[in-house]
Amino acid sequence: MDISGLRREYTLGALDRESLAPDPIAQFEQWFKEALCQRPGARLRRIGVALYKLWDAILGKPPIDVNAMVLATCDAQGNPSARTVLLKEVSARGFVFYTNYESRKGQDIEQNPRGCLVFYWPELERQVCVTGTIFKLPVEESAAYFATRPRGSQIAAWASPQSRPISSRKELESRWSQFEEQFRGKRVPLPPHWGGYVLVPEMIEFWQGRPNRLHDRFRYVKRPDGAWEILQIAP
């Protein structure tokens, strides 16, 4: 199937150095709020996004997850893998997500803690790439978050041997039922193989689509003194 002719122009916005926040986390939070249509004063953009989503709803398309991010990792041999996970927190310390420590990504991180995140918001013609080192969160923090998850999701964290072969869907559902019975009438505890990570950024790049493929790209690079240097990058 030839899809080389599948393309579109990008015309919704621009990005310049003067509009950038000094701190990349602040810049990310600004863009994230705009993706959520929460930025004060962004009425026209909110209307435009609302109309876009209404049209998608008419066509039966599901809404996008604005906190979805592609997480890329490599194992000790340098074999790459990528998957979409959900961002659960962003702050000055970094980008937080939760998963099964025994999954493929968990094993990759154990062997090679370097990782990369990619956010893409097509409605805004924007992309953010984040590179850094990944660290486990304290057990207490993981337990506090785990307690907020729906009970079905808590049981699933016990039931699913993530990234491992299973014989059938029936096996997975049977495991879920077994743990549901085991914890019936009880609080579901944090599994020892499940918890959070934080990716501490060393580079964050913001991309804004522009006409004629002359996109805007700005890269924040953390200097040894902890300050961020901003570089404009050719598209």
Protein backbone atom coordinates (compact mmCIF):
# COMPACT_ATOMS: atom_id res chain seq x y z
CA MET A 1 0.00 0.00 0.00
CA ASP A 2 1.50 3.33 -1.11
CA ILE A 3 0.69 6.14 1.33
CA SER A 4 3.50 8.47 0.32
CA GLY A 5 0.97 11.02 -0.92
CA LEU A 6 -0.83 11.20 2.42
CA ARG A 7 0.03 14.62 3.79
CA ARG A 8 -1.42 17.90 5.04
CA GLU A 9 -0.29 21.44 5.75
CA TYR A 10 0.18 22.70 9.30
CA THR A 11 -1.36 26.11 9.89
CA LEU A 12 -2.77 26.29 13.42
CA GLY A 13 0.04 28.04 15.25
CA ALA A 14 3.62 29.19 15.59
CA LEU A 15 6.39 29.03 18.16
CA ASP A 16 9.11 31.60 18.75
CA ARG A 17 11.82 32.08 21.33
CA GLU A 18 10.11 35.10 22.91
CA SER A 19 7.02 33.07 23.77
CA LEU A 20 8.95 30.24 25.39
CA ALA A 21 8.95 29.81 29.15
CA PRO A 22 12.45 29.80 30.72
CA ASP A 23 11.71 26.40 32.26
CA PRO A 24 10.74 23.51 29.93
CA ILE A 25 8.41 21.98 32.53
CA ALA A 26 6.45 25.24 32.62
CA GLN A 27 6.38 25.26 28.82
CA PHE A 28 5.14 21.67 28.79
CA GLU A 29 2.45 22.43 31.35
CA GLN A 30 1.28 25.38 29.23
CA TRP A 31 0.99 23.22 26.13
CA PHE A 32 -0.64 20.41 28.08
CA LYS A 33 -3.31 22.78 29.41
CA GLU A 34 -3.95 24.00 25.88
CA ALA A 35 -4.34 20.40 24.76
CA LEU A 36 -6.93 20.09 27.52
CA CYS A 37 -8.48 23.41 26.37
CA GLN A 38 -7.94 24.88 29.85
CA ARG A 39 -5.60 27.76 29.11
CA PRO A 40 -7.18 31.09 30.14
CA GLY A 41 -7.86 33.31 27.15
CA ALA A 42 -7.69 30.52 24.62
CA ARG A 43 -11.41 30.83 23.81
CA LEU A 44 -11.09 30.70 20.03
CA ARG A 45 -8.75 27.74 20.22
CA ARG A 46 -11.15 25.96 22.58
CA ILE A 47 -14.02 26.59 20.17
CA GLY A 48 -11.97 25.28 17.28
CA VAL A 49 -10.94 22.17 19.19
CA ALA A 50 -14.53 21.64 20.36
CA LEU A 51 -15.79 21.77 16.77
CA TYR A 52 -13.04 19.37 15.73
CA LYS A 53 -14.03 16.94 18.49
CA LEU A 54 -17.73 17.35 17.65
CA TRP A 55 -17.02 16.39 14.05
CA ASP A 56 -15.02 13.38 15.22
CA ALA A 57 -17.95 12.41 17.46
CA ILE A 58 -20.34 12.66 14.51
CA LEU A 59 -18.01 10.38 12.55
CA GLY A 60 -17.85 8.00 15.50
CA LYS A 61 -14.17 8.55 16.24
CA PRO A 62 -13.01 8.10 19.85
CA PRO A 63 -11.55 11.10 21.71
CA ILE A 64 -7.80 11.30 21.97
CA ASP A 65 -5.95 10.85 25.25
CA VAL A 66 -3.97 14.02 25.71
CA ASN A 67 -1.81 12.39 28.40
CA ALA A 68 -0.89 9.48 26.15
CA MET A 69 2.84 9.33 25.41
CA VAL A 70 5.08 6.94 23.52
CA LEU A 71 7.80 5.57 25.79
CA ALA A 72 10.89 4.27 24.00
CA THR A 73 13.44 2.10 25.82
CA CYS A 74 16.36 -0.20 24.95
CA ASP A 75 17.60 -3.35 26.60
CA ALA A 76 21.22 -4.06 27.52
CA GLN A 77 21.97 -5.17 23.94
CA GLY A 78 20.55 -1.96 22.48
CA ASN A 79 17.37 -3.55 21.12
CA PRO A 80 14.73 -0.81 21.07
CA SER A 81 11.05 -1.08 21.95
CA ALA A 82 8.28 1.47 22.23
CA ARG A 83 4.73 1.58 23.52
CA THR A 84 2.09 4.10 24.56
CA VAL A 85 1.66 4.75 28.29
CA LEU A 86 -0.20 7.41 30.24
CA LEU A 87 1.44 10.39 31.89
CA LYS A 88 0.24 10.64 35.49
CA GLU A 89 2.24 13.61 36.75
CA VAL A 90 4.64 16.24 35.47
CA SER A 91 6.61 18.53 37.74
CA ALA A 92 10.10 19.92 38.17
CA ARG A 93 11.36 16.44 39.03
CA GLY A 94 10.16 14.93 35.75
CA PHE A 95 7.48 12.84 34.03
CA VAL A 96 5.74 10.10 36.04
CA PHE A 97 4.09 6.91 34.79
CA TYR A 98 3.16 3.55 36.32
CA THR A 99 3.51 -0.01 35.05
CA ASN A 100 4.42 -3.61 35.77
CA TYR A 101 8.10 -3.83 36.71
CA GLU A 102 8.30 -7.30 35.13
CA SER A 103 7.00 -6.09 31.76
CA ARG A 104 9.28 -5.61 28.75
CA LYS A 105 9.64 -1.90 29.49
CA GLY A 106 10.33 -2.67 33.13
CA GLN A 107 13.07 -5.11 32.18
CA ASP A 108 14.50 -2.63 29.67
CA ILE A 109 14.62 0.09 32.32
CA GLU A 110 16.30 -2.29 34.77
CA GLN A 111 19.04 -3.03 32.22
CA ASN A 112 19.29 0.43 30.65
CA PRO A 113 17.54 3.31 32.47
CA ARG A 114 17.77 5.73 29.53
CA GLY A 115 14.44 6.54 27.88
CA CYS A 116 12.57 8.87 25.57
CA LEU A 117 8.97 10.14 25.60
CA VAL A 118 6.99 11.49 22.65
CA PHE A 119 3.72 13.43 22.97
CA TYR A 120 1.74 14.24 19.83
CA TRP A 121 -1.34 16.48 19.80
CA PRO A 122 -2.61 16.51 16.20
CA GLU A 123 -5.40 19.01 16.87
CA LEU A 124 -2.77 21.56 17.83
CA GLU A 125 -0.14 20.35 15.34
CA ARG A 126 2.33 19.98 18.20
CA GLN A 127 4.84 17.41 19.38
CA VAL A 128 7.06 17.21 22.46
CA CYS A 129 10.06 14.86 22.78
CA VAL A 130 11.71 14.23 26.15
CA THR A 131 14.97 12.35 26.76
CA GLY A 132 16.44 11.45 30.13
CA THR A 133 17.11 8.87 32.81
CA ILE A 134 14.35 6.80 34.43
CA PHE A 135 14.18 6.08 38.17
CA LYS A 136 11.77 4.02 40.28
CA LEU A 137 9.46 5.93 42.59
CA PRO A 138 9.44 5.13 46.32
CA VAL A 139 7.12 2.26 47.23
CA GLU A 140 5.05 4.58 49.41
CA GLU A 141 4.33 6.87 46.48
CA SER A 142 3.39 3.97 44.23
CA ALA A 143 1.08 2.59 46.92
CA ALA A 144 -0.63 5.95 47.33
CA TYR A 145 -1.34 6.14 43.61
CA PHE A 146 -2.37 2.47 43.40
CA ALA A 147 -5.01 3.11 46.06
CA THR A 148 -6.69 5.65 43.76
CA ARG A 149 -7.09 3.22 40.85
CA PRO A 150 -10.45 1.55 40.13
CA ARG A 151 -10.73 -1.80 41.89
CA GLY A 152 -10.88 -3.66 38.60
CA SER A 153 -7.61 -2.10 37.51
CA GLN A 154 -6.04 -2.97 40.85
CA ILE A 155 -7.00 -6.62 40.42
CA ALA A 156 -5.73 -6.57 36.83
CA ALA A 157 -2.31 -5.47 38.08
CA TRP A 158 -2.15 -8.73 40.05
CA ALA A 159 -3.71 -10.88 37.35
CA SER A 160 -1.77 -9.88 34.26
CA PRO A 161 1.74 -11.36 33.75
CA GLN A 162 2.46 -8.41 31.50
CA SER A 163 4.57 -9.01 28.36
CA ARG A 164 4.61 -12.77 28.93
CA PRO A 165 2.90 -15.33 26.65
CA ILE A 166 -0.51 -16.61 27.75
CA SER A 167 -2.51 -19.49 26.31
CA SER A 168 -5.70 -17.56 25.71
CA ARG A 169 -7.96 -14.72 26.80
CA LYS A 170 -9.72 -17.31 28.97
CA GLU A 171 -6.55 -17.82 30.98
CA LEU A 172 -6.26 -14.09 31.64
CA GLU A 173 -9.91 -13.79 32.68
CA SER A 174 -9.53 -16.85 34.90
CA ARG A 175 -6.55 -15.27 36.66
CA TRP A 176 -8.53 -12.05 37.13
CA SER A 177 -11.42 -14.00 38.68
CA GLN A 178 -9.06 -15.84 41.03
CA PHE A 179 -7.61 -12.59 42.36
CA GLU A 180 -11.05 -11.02 42.55
CA GLU A 181 -12.09 -13.88 44.83
CA GLN A 182 -8.83 -13.69 46.82
CA PHE A 183 -9.39 -10.02 47.62
CA ARG A 184 -13.16 -10.16 48.00
CA GLY A 185 -14.17 -7.89 50.87
CA LYS A 186 -10.58 -6.73 51.31
CA ARG A 187 -8.46 -3.81 50.20
CA VAL A 188 -6.39 -4.72 47.16
CA PRO A 189 -2.73 -4.22 48.16
CA LEU A 190 0.03 -2.91 45.91
CA PRO A 191 1.62 -5.81 44.00
CA PRO A 192 5.37 -6.11 44.63
CA HIS A 193 5.95 -6.13 40.86
CA TRP A 194 4.00 -2.94 40.11
CA GLY A 195 4.76 0.73 40.65
CA GLY A 196 5.87 4.07 39.31
CA TYR A 197 8.78 5.57 37.44
CA VAL A 198 9.90 9.12 36.87
CA LEU A 199 11.81 10.13 33.76
CA VAL A 200 14.15 12.95 34.76
CA PRO A 201 14.59 15.09 31.63
CA GLU A 202 17.92 16.17 30.22
CA MET A 203 16.52 17.33 26.87
CA ILE A 204 13.02 18.52 25.97
CA GLU A 205 12.16 19.53 22.44
CA PHE A 206 9.02 21.39 21.35
CA TRP A 207 7.81 21.14 17.74
CA GLN A 208 5.11 23.33 16.23
CA GLY A 209 3.87 22.56 12.74
CA ARG A 210 4.18 25.40 10.19
CA PRO A 211 3.34 25.78 6.48
CA ASN A 212 5.70 24.47 3.80
CA ARG A 213 7.36 22.16 6.35
CA LEU A 214 9.24 25.13 7.86
CA HIS A 215 8.29 23.95 11.31
CA ASP A 216 9.36 25.61 14.56
CA ARG A 217 11.64 23.51 16.79
CA PHE A 218 13.16 24.56 20.09
CA ARG A 219 15.31 22.28 22.22
CA TYR A 220 15.95 22.73 25.95
CA VAL A 221 19.23 21.12 27.05
CA LYS A 222 20.12 20.86 30.74
CA ARG A 223 23.55 22.26 31.50
CA PRO A 224 25.86 20.87 34.21
CA ASP A 225 24.81 23.69 36.55
CA GLY A 226 21.17 22.62 36.26
CA ALA A 227 20.08 25.56 34.11
CA TRP A 228 18.34 25.05 30.77
CA GLU A 229 19.87 26.22 27.51
CA ILE A 230 17.41 26.87 24.66
CA LEU A 231 18.49 26.09 21.09
CA GLN A 232 16.47 26.71 17.94
CA ILE A 233 16.71 23.67 15.68
CA ALA A 234 16.19 23.49 11.91
CA PRO A 235 13.10 21.55 10.91
